[in-house]
Amino acid sequence: MNVDNKSLNTKFVELLTPNYYKIHSFILMLIPNKADAEDVLQSSITYMWEHFSDFKQGSNFLSWAFTISKFHVLTHRKKQQRSKVFFSEEAIRIIESESQKLSPEIDIRLEALKKCIKKLQHKDLAFIKKRFEDNLSLVDLADEWGISANVVYKHLARIKILLLNCIRKVIATGEAT
């Protein structure tokens, strides 16, 4: 790999990293099946990586990424014609447009969430990491923690309420900017 390719790859990662969850969310809005959405996300990122030399430096990376992702979603849809959930191309265009408008708000909310997660008690933090990072089901989480699934559900709901209230407070006080 020559120096130019290395710096191009570094630039790609620098642009993708802050936009990864926005691209992921955009695809999830269009493809409700999480596994299918993950496949489309990976194929979109692979395409972006392979064609990053075509990206006009200084232009809007997120817009470029949404456009590529949109075409990967459409390709996926053609392969999955039997799907019961089917968005028209106009609906996809509207979702794309709205996703771009919400991008700054998503950044603020994500920053607030990061601050609020740091405020959680160690036990609650370990609990949500098991659920969301390790992707354990409620039943598996209950087994691992030695509690009932109902208790897991209630505990998770309590943590989500704490986080939601904290996020609202952080945003209201301007700490997330």
Protein backbone atom coordinates (compact mmCIF):
# COMPACT_ATOMS: atom_id res chain seq x y z
CA MET A 1 0.00 0.00 0.00
CA ASN A 2 1.51 3.31 -0.98
CA VAL A 3 1.30 6.47 1.13
CA ASP A 4 -1.56 7.92 -0.94
CA ASN A 5 -3.71 4.82 -0.42
CA LYS A 6 -2.91 4.80 3.28
CA SER A 7 -3.95 8.42 3.71
CA LEU A 8 -7.07 7.80 1.59
CA ASN A 9 -7.97 4.86 3.82
CA THR A 10 -7.38 6.94 6.94
CA LYS A 11 -9.60 9.70 5.56
CA PHE A 12 -12.33 7.15 4.82
CA VAL A 13 -12.27 5.86 8.38
CA GLU A 14 -12.29 9.43 9.74
CA LEU A 15 -15.42 10.23 7.73
CA LEU A 16 -17.19 6.91 8.31
CA THR A 17 -16.70 6.72 12.07
CA PRO A 18 -18.90 9.67 13.13
CA ASN A 19 -21.51 8.75 10.50
CA TYR A 20 -21.68 4.97 10.97
CA TYR A 21 -24.73 4.95 13.24
CA LYS A 22 -26.57 7.47 11.05
CA ILE A 23 -26.04 5.24 8.01
CA HIS A 24 -27.07 2.21 10.03
CA SER A 25 -30.22 3.95 11.28
CA PHE A 26 -31.09 5.08 7.76
CA ILE A 27 -30.86 1.51 6.46
CA LEU A 28 -32.85 0.15 9.42
CA MET A 29 -35.67 2.58 8.60
CA LEU A 30 -35.86 1.08 5.12
CA ILE A 31 -35.23 -2.56 5.97
CA PRO A 32 -36.98 -3.56 9.19
CA ASN A 33 -35.30 -6.98 9.37
CA LYS A 34 -32.15 -6.40 11.43
CA ALA A 35 -30.11 -9.20 9.83
CA ASP A 36 -30.96 -7.98 6.32
CA ALA A 37 -30.18 -4.40 7.32
CA GLU A 38 -26.78 -5.49 8.67
CA ASP A 39 -26.03 -7.23 5.36
CA VAL A 40 -26.97 -4.11 3.40
CA LEU A 41 -24.92 -1.94 5.75
CA GLN A 42 -21.86 -4.12 5.24
CA SER A 43 -22.26 -4.21 1.47
CA SER A 44 -22.75 -0.43 1.42
CA ILE A 45 -19.63 0.22 3.50
CA THR A 46 -17.62 -2.21 1.40
CA TYR A 47 -18.74 -0.39 -1.74
CA MET A 48 -17.91 2.98 -0.17
CA TRP A 49 -14.46 1.71 0.79
CA GLU A 50 -13.79 0.34 -2.69
CA HIS A 51 -15.01 3.52 -4.40
CA PHE A 52 -13.78 6.13 -1.92
CA SER A 53 -11.36 7.46 -4.51
CA ASP A 54 -14.50 8.61 -6.42
CA PHE A 55 -15.69 10.64 -3.41
CA LYS A 56 -15.15 14.36 -3.96
CA GLN A 57 -13.14 15.53 -0.95
CA GLY A 58 -14.86 18.41 0.82
CA SER A 59 -18.33 17.39 -0.26
CA ASN A 60 -20.98 15.93 2.08
CA PHE A 61 -19.83 12.41 3.04
CA LEU A 62 -23.11 11.55 4.74
CA SER A 63 -25.12 12.47 1.67
CA TRP A 64 -22.77 10.34 -0.47
CA ALA A 65 -23.11 7.45 1.99
CA PHE A 66 -26.92 7.74 2.08
CA THR A 67 -27.06 7.68 -1.72
CA ILE A 68 -24.90 4.55 -1.90
CA SER A 69 -26.89 2.92 0.90
CA LYS A 70 -30.16 3.79 -0.84
CA PHE A 71 -29.04 1.97 -3.98
CA HIS A 72 -27.94 -1.03 -1.93
CA VAL A 73 -31.36 -1.04 -0.25
CA LEU A 74 -33.06 -0.93 -3.65
CA THR A 75 -30.88 -3.80 -4.88
CA HIS A 76 -31.78 -5.77 -1.75
CA ARG A 77 -35.47 -5.03 -2.33
CA LYS A 78 -35.27 -6.38 -5.86
CA LYS A 79 -33.79 -9.59 -4.49
CA GLN A 80 -36.49 -9.76 -1.80
CA GLN A 81 -39.61 -9.05 -3.89
CA ARG A 82 -41.63 -11.46 -1.76
CA SER A 83 -41.20 -9.22 1.30
CA LYS A 84 -44.45 -7.99 2.86
CA VAL A 85 -42.92 -4.61 3.78
CA PHE A 86 -42.31 -2.66 0.62
CA PHE A 87 -41.44 1.02 0.41
CA SER A 88 -41.87 2.92 -2.82
CA GLU A 89 -38.86 4.76 -4.21
CA GLU A 90 -40.61 8.02 -3.26
CA ALA A 91 -40.92 6.82 0.35
CA ILE A 92 -37.23 5.94 0.37
CA ARG A 93 -36.38 9.41 -1.00
CA ILE A 94 -38.44 11.05 1.77
CA ILE A 95 -36.82 8.90 4.47
CA GLU A 96 -33.38 9.75 3.08
CA SER A 97 -34.19 13.46 3.12
CA GLU A 98 -35.58 13.38 6.66
CA SER A 99 -32.61 11.32 7.89
CA GLN A 100 -30.23 13.98 6.64
CA LYS A 101 -32.26 16.70 8.37
CA LEU A 102 -32.16 14.79 11.66
CA SER A 103 -28.43 14.10 11.51
CA PRO A 104 -27.37 17.02 13.80
CA GLU A 105 -30.06 16.09 16.34
CA ILE A 106 -28.87 12.48 16.32
CA ASP A 107 -25.33 13.67 17.10
CA ILE A 108 -26.58 15.68 20.08
CA ARG A 109 -28.66 12.78 21.39
CA LEU A 110 -25.78 10.33 20.95
CA GLU A 111 -23.44 12.65 22.85
CA ALA A 112 -26.04 12.98 25.62
CA LEU A 113 -26.45 9.20 25.75
CA LYS A 114 -22.68 8.74 26.13
CA LYS A 115 -22.66 11.19 29.06
CA CYS A 116 -25.64 9.49 30.68
CA ILE A 117 -24.22 5.99 30.30
CA LYS A 118 -21.15 7.17 32.24
CA LYS A 119 -23.48 8.19 35.09
CA LEU A 120 -25.03 4.71 35.45
CA GLN A 121 -24.22 2.56 38.45
CA HIS A 122 -21.73 -0.22 37.69
CA LYS A 123 -24.39 -2.94 37.97
CA ASP A 124 -26.75 -1.16 35.57
CA LEU A 125 -23.93 -0.51 33.11
CA ALA A 126 -22.92 -4.18 33.16
CA PHE A 127 -26.56 -5.13 32.67
CA ILE A 128 -27.08 -3.01 29.54
CA LYS A 129 -23.71 -4.03 28.11
CA LYS A 130 -24.75 -7.67 28.37
CA ARG A 131 -28.08 -6.89 26.73
CA PHE A 132 -26.95 -4.60 23.92
CA GLU A 133 -23.22 -5.14 23.33
CA ASP A 134 -23.28 -8.90 23.86
CA ASN A 135 -26.77 -9.00 22.30
CA LEU A 136 -28.16 -11.36 24.94
CA SER A 137 -31.87 -12.04 24.80
CA LEU A 138 -33.98 -11.29 27.88
CA VAL A 139 -34.19 -15.01 28.63
CA ASP A 140 -30.41 -15.49 28.31
CA LEU A 141 -29.83 -12.42 30.45
CA ALA A 142 -32.21 -13.77 33.09
CA ASP A 143 -30.36 -17.10 33.10
CA GLU A 144 -26.97 -15.44 33.38
CA TRP A 145 -28.03 -13.12 36.21
CA GLY A 146 -30.10 -15.80 37.97
CA ILE A 147 -33.35 -13.81 37.91
CA SER A 148 -36.67 -14.17 36.14
CA ALA A 149 -37.27 -12.77 32.65
CA ASN A 150 -39.95 -10.51 34.16
CA VAL A 151 -37.41 -8.99 36.57
CA VAL A 152 -34.97 -8.53 33.66
CA TYR A 153 -37.68 -6.76 31.66
CA LYS A 154 -38.54 -4.44 34.57
CA HIS A 155 -34.88 -3.72 35.34
CA LEU A 156 -34.16 -2.93 31.70
CA ALA A 157 -37.23 -0.65 31.53
CA ARG A 158 -36.03 1.19 34.65
CA ILE A 159 -32.57 1.73 33.13
CA LYS A 160 -34.10 2.97 29.87
CA ILE A 161 -36.26 5.47 31.79
CA LEU A 162 -33.21 6.67 33.74
CA LEU A 163 -31.27 7.13 30.50
CA LEU A 164 -34.16 8.87 28.75
CA ASN A 165 -34.64 11.31 31.63
CA CYS A 166 -30.90 11.94 31.80
CA ILE A 167 -30.69 12.53 28.02
CA ARG A 168 -33.53 15.04 28.20
CA LYS A 169 -31.82 16.85 31.08
CA VAL A 170 -28.41 16.89 29.35
CA ILE A 171 -29.94 18.27 26.15
CA ALA A 172 -32.05 20.83 28.03
CA THR A 173 -29.00 22.13 29.92
CA GLY A 174 -26.87 22.19 26.76
CA GLU A 175 -24.27 19.76 28.14
CA ALA A 176 -24.42 17.62 24.97
CA THR A 177 -23.08 20.20 22.56
